[in-house]
Amino acid sequence: MLPKPTPQQQRTAYQERVTQFKTTFARKSDESLRQMLSNETLVPAAREAARQLLQARGLAPAPASSV
């Protein structure tokens, strides 16, 4: 059995996933990125990558839609 990752290792792994998603999503349109923010089927790292890309483009992420 493998040892449980430390909180620091978990944060590092999460940030690495966010970075990978940012690379993948870099060419997506602003509207596509906004839609990703409200897509609950995406993993949190993917939604965070979309949020960071919109922020880097100087666009405030749209608020999540209420269901």
PDB file of N, CA and C in Angstrom:
ATOM      1  N   MET A   1       0.846  -1.183   0.000  1.00  0.00           N
ATOM      2  CA  MET A   1       0.000   0.000   0.000  1.00  0.00           C
ATOM      3  C   MET A   1       0.891   1.246   0.000  1.00  0.00           C
ATOM      4  N   LEU A   2       0.554   2.204  -0.823  1.00  0.00           N
ATOM      5  CA  LEU A   2       1.331   3.438  -0.917  1.00  0.00           C
ATOM      6  C   LEU A   2       0.972   4.383   0.220  1.00  0.00           C
ATOM      7  N   PRO A   3       1.947   5.154   0.695  1.00  0.00           N
ATOM      8  CA  PRO A   3       1.629   6.136   1.740  1.00  0.00           C
ATOM      9  C   PRO A   3       0.759   7.253   1.170  1.00  0.00           C
ATOM     10  N   LYS A   4      -0.070   7.814   2.026  1.00  0.00           N
ATOM     11  CA  LYS A   4      -0.951   8.909   1.622  1.00  0.00           C
ATOM     12  C   LYS A   4      -0.103  10.144   1.312  1.00  0.00           C
ATOM     13  N   PRO A   5      -0.392  10.847   0.212  1.00  0.00           N
ATOM     14  CA  PRO A   5       0.385  12.058  -0.112  1.00  0.00           C
ATOM     15  C   PRO A   5       0.191  13.128   0.966  1.00  0.00           C
ATOM     16  N   THR A   6       1.231  13.877   1.191  1.00  0.00           N
ATOM     17  CA  THR A   6       1.152  14.974   2.155  1.00  0.00           C
ATOM     18  C   THR A   6       0.304  16.096   1.552  1.00  0.00           C
ATOM     19  N   PRO A   7      -0.193  17.006   2.394  1.00  0.00           N
ATOM     20  CA  PRO A   7      -0.950  18.142   1.857  1.00  0.00           C
ATOM     21  C   PRO A   7      -0.149  18.932   0.816  1.00  0.00           C
ATOM     22  N   GLN A   8       1.139  19.095   1.039  1.00  0.00           N
ATOM     23  CA  GLN A   8       1.981  19.817   0.075  1.00  0.00           C
ATOM     24  C   GLN A   8       2.043  19.072  -1.256  1.00  0.00           C
ATOM     25  N   GLN A   9       2.175  17.756  -1.198  1.00  0.00           N
ATOM     26  CA  GLN A   9       2.207  16.960  -2.426  1.00  0.00           C
ATOM     27  C   GLN A   9       0.874  17.048  -3.164  1.00  0.00           C
ATOM     28  N   GLN A  10      -0.223  17.073  -2.411  1.00  0.00           N
ATOM     29  CA  GLN A  10      -1.542  17.200  -3.024  1.00  0.00           C
ATOM     30  C   GLN A  10      -1.688  18.547  -3.716  1.00  0.00           C
ATOM     31  N   ARG A  11      -1.235  19.632  -3.065  1.00  0.00           N
ATOM     32  CA  ARG A  11      -1.307  20.968  -3.673  1.00  0.00           C
ATOM     33  C   ARG A  11      -0.459  21.036  -4.936  1.00  0.00           C
ATOM     34  N   THR A  12       0.733  20.461  -4.865  1.00  0.00           N
ATOM     35  CA  THR A  12       1.626  20.470  -6.024  1.00  0.00           C
ATOM     36  C   THR A  12       1.004  19.702  -7.192  1.00  0.00           C
ATOM     37  N   ALA A  13       0.441  18.548  -6.917  1.00  0.00           N
ATOM     38  CA  ALA A  13      -0.194  17.747  -7.971  1.00  0.00           C
ATOM     39  C   ALA A  13      -1.378  18.497  -8.576  1.00  0.00           C
ATOM     40  N   TYR A  14      -2.166  19.175  -7.733  1.00  0.00           N
ATOM     41  CA  TYR A  14      -3.314  19.948  -8.213  1.00  0.00           C
ATOM     42  C   TYR A  14      -2.835  21.070  -9.130  1.00  0.00           C
ATOM     43  N   GLN A  15      -1.801  21.800  -8.710  1.00  0.00           N
ATOM     44  CA  GLN A  15      -1.278  22.896  -9.524  1.00  0.00           C
ATOM     45  C   GLN A  15      -0.718  22.387 -10.849  1.00  0.00           C
ATOM     46  N   GLU A  16      -0.104  21.203 -10.835  1.00  0.00           N
ATOM     47  CA  GLU A  16       0.397  20.622 -12.082  1.00  0.00           C
ATOM     48  C   GLU A  16      -0.756  20.297 -13.032  1.00  0.00           C
ATOM     49  N   ARG A  17      -1.870  19.786 -12.483  1.00  0.00           N
ATOM     50  CA  ARG A  17      -3.041  19.499 -13.322  1.00  0.00           C
ATOM     51  C   ARG A  17      -3.623  20.793 -13.887  1.00  0.00           C
ATOM     52  N   VAL A  18      -3.688  21.842 -13.057  1.00  0.00           N
ATOM     53  CA  VAL A  18      -4.198  23.134 -13.528  1.00  0.00           C
ATOM     54  C   VAL A  18      -3.331  23.632 -14.680  1.00  0.00           C
ATOM     55  N   THR A  19      -2.026  23.546 -14.524  1.00  0.00           N
ATOM     56  CA  THR A  19      -1.099  23.989 -15.569  1.00  0.00           C
ATOM     57  C   THR A  19      -1.310  23.199 -16.860  1.00  0.00           C
ATOM     58  N   GLN A  20      -1.509  21.893 -16.747  1.00  0.00           N
ATOM     59  CA  GLN A  20      -1.756  21.073 -17.938  1.00  0.00           C
ATOM     60  C   GLN A  20      -3.049  21.499 -18.630  1.00  0.00           C
ATOM     61  N   PHE A  21      -4.103  21.731 -17.846  1.00  0.00           N
ATOM     62  CA  PHE A  21      -5.371  22.175 -18.434  1.00  0.00           C
ATOM     63  C   PHE A  21      -5.220  23.553 -19.075  1.00  0.00           C
ATOM     64  N   LYS A  22      -4.462  24.450 -18.457  1.00  0.00           N
ATOM     65  CA  LYS A  22      -4.266  25.779 -19.042  1.00  0.00           C
ATOM     66  C   LYS A  22      -3.602  25.669 -20.411  1.00  0.00           C
ATOM     67  N   THR A  23      -2.648  24.779 -20.540  1.00  0.00           N
ATOM     68  CA  THR A  23      -1.993  24.566 -21.829  1.00  0.00           C
ATOM     69  C   THR A  23      -3.002  24.045 -22.853  1.00  0.00           C
ATOM     70  N   THR A  24      -3.823  23.109 -22.436  1.00  0.00           N
ATOM     71  CA  THR A  24      -4.834  22.532 -23.325  1.00  0.00           C
ATOM     72  C   THR A  24      -5.890  23.552 -23.725  1.00  0.00           C
ATOM     73  N   PHE A  25      -6.294  24.404 -22.782  1.00  0.00           N
ATOM     74  CA  PHE A  25      -7.389  25.348 -23.010  1.00  0.00           C
ATOM     75  C   PHE A  25      -6.942  26.696 -23.567  1.00  0.00           C
ATOM     76  N   ALA A  26      -5.657  26.917 -23.741  1.00  0.00           N
ATOM     77  CA  ALA A  26      -5.131  28.240 -24.090  1.00  0.00           C
ATOM     78  C   ALA A  26      -5.768  28.847 -25.337  1.00  0.00           C
ATOM     79  N   ARG A  27      -6.133  28.041 -26.308  1.00  0.00           N
ATOM     80  CA  ARG A  27      -6.691  28.561 -27.566  1.00  0.00           C
ATOM     81  C   ARG A  27      -8.219  28.620 -27.571  1.00  0.00           C
ATOM     82  N   LYS A  28      -8.831  28.247 -26.471  1.00  0.00           N
ATOM     83  CA  LYS A  28     -10.302  28.275 -26.411  1.00  0.00           C
ATOM     84  C   LYS A  28     -10.801  29.709 -26.350  1.00  0.00           C
ATOM     85  N   SER A  29     -12.006  29.905 -26.846  1.00  0.00           N
ATOM     86  CA  SER A  29     -12.607  31.241 -26.833  1.00  0.00           C
ATOM     87  C   SER A  29     -12.997  31.628 -25.412  1.00  0.00           C
ATOM     88  N   ASP A  30     -13.182  32.930 -25.217  1.00  0.00           N
ATOM     89  CA  ASP A  30     -13.615  33.425 -23.911  1.00  0.00           C
ATOM     90  C   ASP A  30     -14.938  32.782 -23.514  1.00  0.00           C
ATOM     91  N   GLU A  31     -15.851  32.676 -24.467  1.00  0.00           N
ATOM     92  CA  GLU A  31     -17.167  32.091 -24.174  1.00  0.00           C
ATOM     93  C   GLU A  31     -17.042  30.624 -23.772  1.00  0.00           C
ATOM     94  N   SER A  32     -16.179  29.879 -24.446  1.00  0.00           N
ATOM     95  CA  SER A  32     -15.977  28.470 -24.085  1.00  0.00           C
ATOM     96  C   SER A  32     -15.445  28.346 -22.666  1.00  0.00           C
ATOM     97  N   LEU A  33     -14.504  29.216 -22.328  1.00  0.00           N
ATOM     98  CA  LEU A  33     -13.946  29.183 -20.975  1.00  0.00           C
ATOM     99  C   LEU A  33     -15.010  29.522 -19.942  1.00  0.00           C
ATOM    100  N   ARG A  34     -15.851  30.493 -20.253  1.00  0.00           N
ATOM    101  CA  ARG A  34     -16.932  30.855 -19.320  1.00  0.00           C
ATOM    102  C   ARG A  34     -17.891  29.684 -19.120  1.00  0.00           C
ATOM    103  N   GLN A  35     -18.193  28.980 -20.192  1.00  0.00           N
ATOM    104  CA  GLN A  35     -19.086  27.829 -20.082  1.00  0.00           C
ATOM    105  C   GLN A  35     -18.468  26.735 -19.217  1.00  0.00           C
ATOM    106  N   MET A  36     -17.161  26.579 -19.305  1.00  0.00           N
ATOM    107  CA  MET A  36     -16.480  25.571 -18.494  1.00  0.00           C
ATOM    108  C   MET A  36     -16.623  25.854 -16.998  1.00  0.00           C
ATOM    109  N   LEU A  37     -16.653  27.129 -16.647  1.00  0.00           N
ATOM    110  CA  LEU A  37     -16.750  27.486 -15.233  1.00  0.00           C
ATOM    111  C   LEU A  37     -18.011  26.928 -14.587  1.00  0.00           C
ATOM    112  N   SER A  38     -19.079  26.854 -15.344  1.00  0.00           N
ATOM    113  CA  SER A  38     -20.341  26.375 -14.782  1.00  0.00           C
ATOM    114  C   SER A  38     -20.603  24.898 -15.072  1.00  0.00           C
ATOM    115  N   ASN A  39     -19.669  24.237 -15.719  1.00  0.00           N
ATOM    116  CA  ASN A  39     -19.830  22.824 -16.056  1.00  0.00           C
ATOM    117  C   ASN A  39     -19.385  21.964 -14.875  1.00  0.00           C
ATOM    118  N   GLU A  40     -20.349  21.497 -14.107  1.00  0.00           N
ATOM    119  CA  GLU A  40     -20.053  20.716 -12.905  1.00  0.00           C
ATOM    120  C   GLU A  40     -19.492  19.330 -13.210  1.00  0.00           C
ATOM    121  N   THR A  41     -19.526  18.904 -14.473  1.00  0.00           N
ATOM    122  CA  THR A  41     -18.969  17.596 -14.806  1.00  0.00           C
ATOM    123  C   THR A  41     -17.451  17.659 -14.990  1.00  0.00           C
ATOM    124  N   LEU A  42     -16.907  18.861 -15.120  1.00  0.00           N
ATOM    125  CA  LEU A  42     -15.453  19.008 -15.236  1.00  0.00           C
ATOM    126  C   LEU A  42     -14.812  18.889 -13.863  1.00  0.00           C
ATOM    127  N   VAL A  43     -13.611  18.353 -13.837  1.00  0.00           N
ATOM    128  CA  VAL A  43     -12.887  18.265 -12.570  1.00  0.00           C
ATOM    129  C   VAL A  43     -12.523  19.673 -12.104  1.00  0.00           C
ATOM    130  N   PRO A  44     -12.370  19.870 -10.797  1.00  0.00           N
ATOM    131  CA  PRO A  44     -12.063  21.203 -10.274  1.00  0.00           C
ATOM    132  C   PRO A  44     -10.822  21.842 -10.902  1.00  0.00           C
ATOM    133  N   ALA A  45      -9.797  21.064 -11.190  1.00  0.00           N
ATOM    134  CA  ALA A  45      -8.584  21.628 -11.785  1.00  0.00           C
ATOM    135  C   ALA A  45      -8.868  22.218 -13.166  1.00  0.00           C
ATOM    136  N   ALA A  46      -9.763  21.612 -13.916  1.00  0.00           N
ATOM    137  CA  ALA A  46     -10.120  22.135 -15.241  1.00  0.00           C
ATOM    138  C   ALA A  46     -10.868  23.454 -15.105  1.00  0.00           C
ATOM    139  N   ARG A  47     -11.802  23.524 -14.163  1.00  0.00           N
ATOM    140  CA  ARG A  47     -12.541  24.775 -13.951  1.00  0.00           C
ATOM    141  C   ARG A  47     -11.608  25.874 -13.449  1.00  0.00           C
ATOM    142  N   GLU A  48     -10.670  25.527 -12.585  1.00  0.00           N
ATOM    143  CA  GLU A  48      -9.709  26.517 -12.090  1.00  0.00           C
ATOM    144  C   GLU A  48      -8.837  27.027 -13.234  1.00  0.00           C
ATOM    145  N   ALA A  49      -8.432  26.148 -14.133  1.00  0.00           N
ATOM    146  CA  ALA A  49      -7.628  26.564 -15.287  1.00  0.00           C
ATOM    147  C   ALA A  49      -8.408  27.549 -16.150  1.00  0.00           C
ATOM    148  N   ALA A  50      -9.677  27.277 -16.381  1.00  0.00           N
ATOM    149  CA  ALA A  50     -10.512  28.188 -17.170  1.00  0.00           C
ATOM    150  C   ALA A  50     -10.617  29.539 -16.473  1.00  0.00           C
ATOM    151  N   ARG A  51     -10.809  29.533 -15.153  1.00  0.00           N
ATOM    152  CA  ARG A  51     -10.910  30.776 -14.387  1.00  0.00           C
ATOM    153  C   ARG A  51      -9.614  31.582 -14.497  1.00  0.00           C
ATOM    154  N   GLN A  52      -8.472  30.909 -14.348  1.00  0.00           N
ATOM    155  CA  GLN A  52      -7.182  31.597 -14.424  1.00  0.00           C
ATOM    156  C   GLN A  52      -6.931  32.169 -15.814  1.00  0.00           C
ATOM    157  N   LEU A  53      -7.310  31.440 -16.851  1.00  0.00           N
ATOM    158  CA  LEU A  53      -7.120  31.946 -18.213  1.00  0.00           C
ATOM    159  C   LEU A  53      -7.969  33.185 -18.460  1.00  0.00           C
ATOM    160  N   LEU A  54      -9.212  33.168 -18.010  1.00  0.00           N
ATOM    161  CA  LEU A  54     -10.065  34.349 -18.165  1.00  0.00           C
ATOM    162  C   LEU A  54      -9.481  35.529 -17.400  1.00  0.00           C
ATOM    163  N   GLN A  55      -8.995  35.275 -16.211  1.00  0.00           N
ATOM    164  CA  GLN A  55      -8.402  36.341 -15.406  1.00  0.00           C
ATOM    165  C   GLN A  55      -7.159  36.896 -16.103  1.00  0.00           C
ATOM    166  N   ALA A  56      -6.340  36.028 -16.673  1.00  0.00           N
ATOM    167  CA  ALA A  56      -5.135  36.470 -17.378  1.00  0.00           C
ATOM    168  C   ALA A  56      -5.478  37.302 -18.615  1.00  0.00           C
ATOM    169  N   ARG A  57      -6.628  37.048 -19.199  1.00  0.00           N
ATOM    170  CA  ARG A  57      -7.081  37.820 -20.364  1.00  0.00           C
ATOM    171  C   ARG A  57      -7.742  39.129 -19.953  1.00  0.00           C
ATOM    172  N   GLY A  58      -7.813  39.367 -18.659  1.00  0.00           N
ATOM    173  CA  GLY A  58      -8.415  40.601 -18.171  1.00  0.00           C
ATOM    174  C   GLY A  58      -9.926  40.553 -18.129  1.00  0.00           C
ATOM    175  N   LEU A  59     -10.463  39.352 -18.133  1.00  0.00           N
ATOM    176  CA  LEU A  59     -11.916  39.175 -18.118  1.00  0.00           C
ATOM    177  C   LEU A  59     -12.329  38.572 -16.783  1.00  0.00           C
ATOM    178  N   ALA A  60     -13.245  39.228 -16.129  1.00  0.00           N
ATOM    179  CA  ALA A  60     -13.746  38.681 -14.869  1.00  0.00           C
ATOM    180  C   ALA A  60     -14.600  37.467 -15.190  1.00  0.00           C
ATOM    181  N   PRO A  61     -14.350  36.341 -14.531  1.00  0.00           N
ATOM    182  CA  PRO A  61     -15.191  35.167 -14.780  1.00  0.00           C
ATOM    183  C   PRO A  61     -16.648  35.466 -14.452  1.00  0.00           C
ATOM    184  N   ALA A  62     -17.534  34.974 -15.292  1.00  0.00           N
ATOM    185  CA  ALA A  62     -18.966  35.156 -15.054  1.00  0.00           C
ATOM    186  C   ALA A  62     -19.364  34.379 -13.815  1.00  0.00           C
ATOM    187  N   PRO A  63     -20.293  34.918 -13.027  1.00  0.00           N
ATOM    188  CA  PRO A  63     -20.732  34.180 -11.843  1.00  0.00           C
ATOM    189  C   PRO A  63     -21.371  32.855 -12.240  1.00  0.00           C
ATOM    190  N   ALA A  64     -21.214  31.863 -11.369  1.00  0.00           N
ATOM    191  CA  ALA A  64     -21.809  30.552 -11.643  1.00  0.00           C
ATOM    192  C   ALA A  64     -23.321  30.685 -11.671  1.00  0.00           C
ATOM    193  N   SER A  65     -23.947  29.996 -12.603  1.00  0.00           N
ATOM    194  CA  SER A  65     -25.406  30.087 -12.719  1.00  0.00           C
ATOM    195  C   SER A  65     -26.076  29.314 -11.598  1.00  0.00           C
ATOM    196  N   SER A  66     -27.190  29.843 -11.128  1.00  0.00           N
ATOM    197  CA  SER A  66     -27.954  29.172 -10.077  1.00  0.00           C
ATOM    198  C   SER A  66     -28.870  28.148 -10.713  1.00  0.00           C
ATOM    199  N   VAL A  67     -28.999  27.017 -10.056  1.00  0.00           N
ATOM    200  CA  VAL A  67     -29.857  25.954 -10.594  1.00  0.00           C
ATOM    201  C   VAL A  67     -31.105  25.857  -9.779  1.00  0.00           C
TER     202      VAL A  67
END
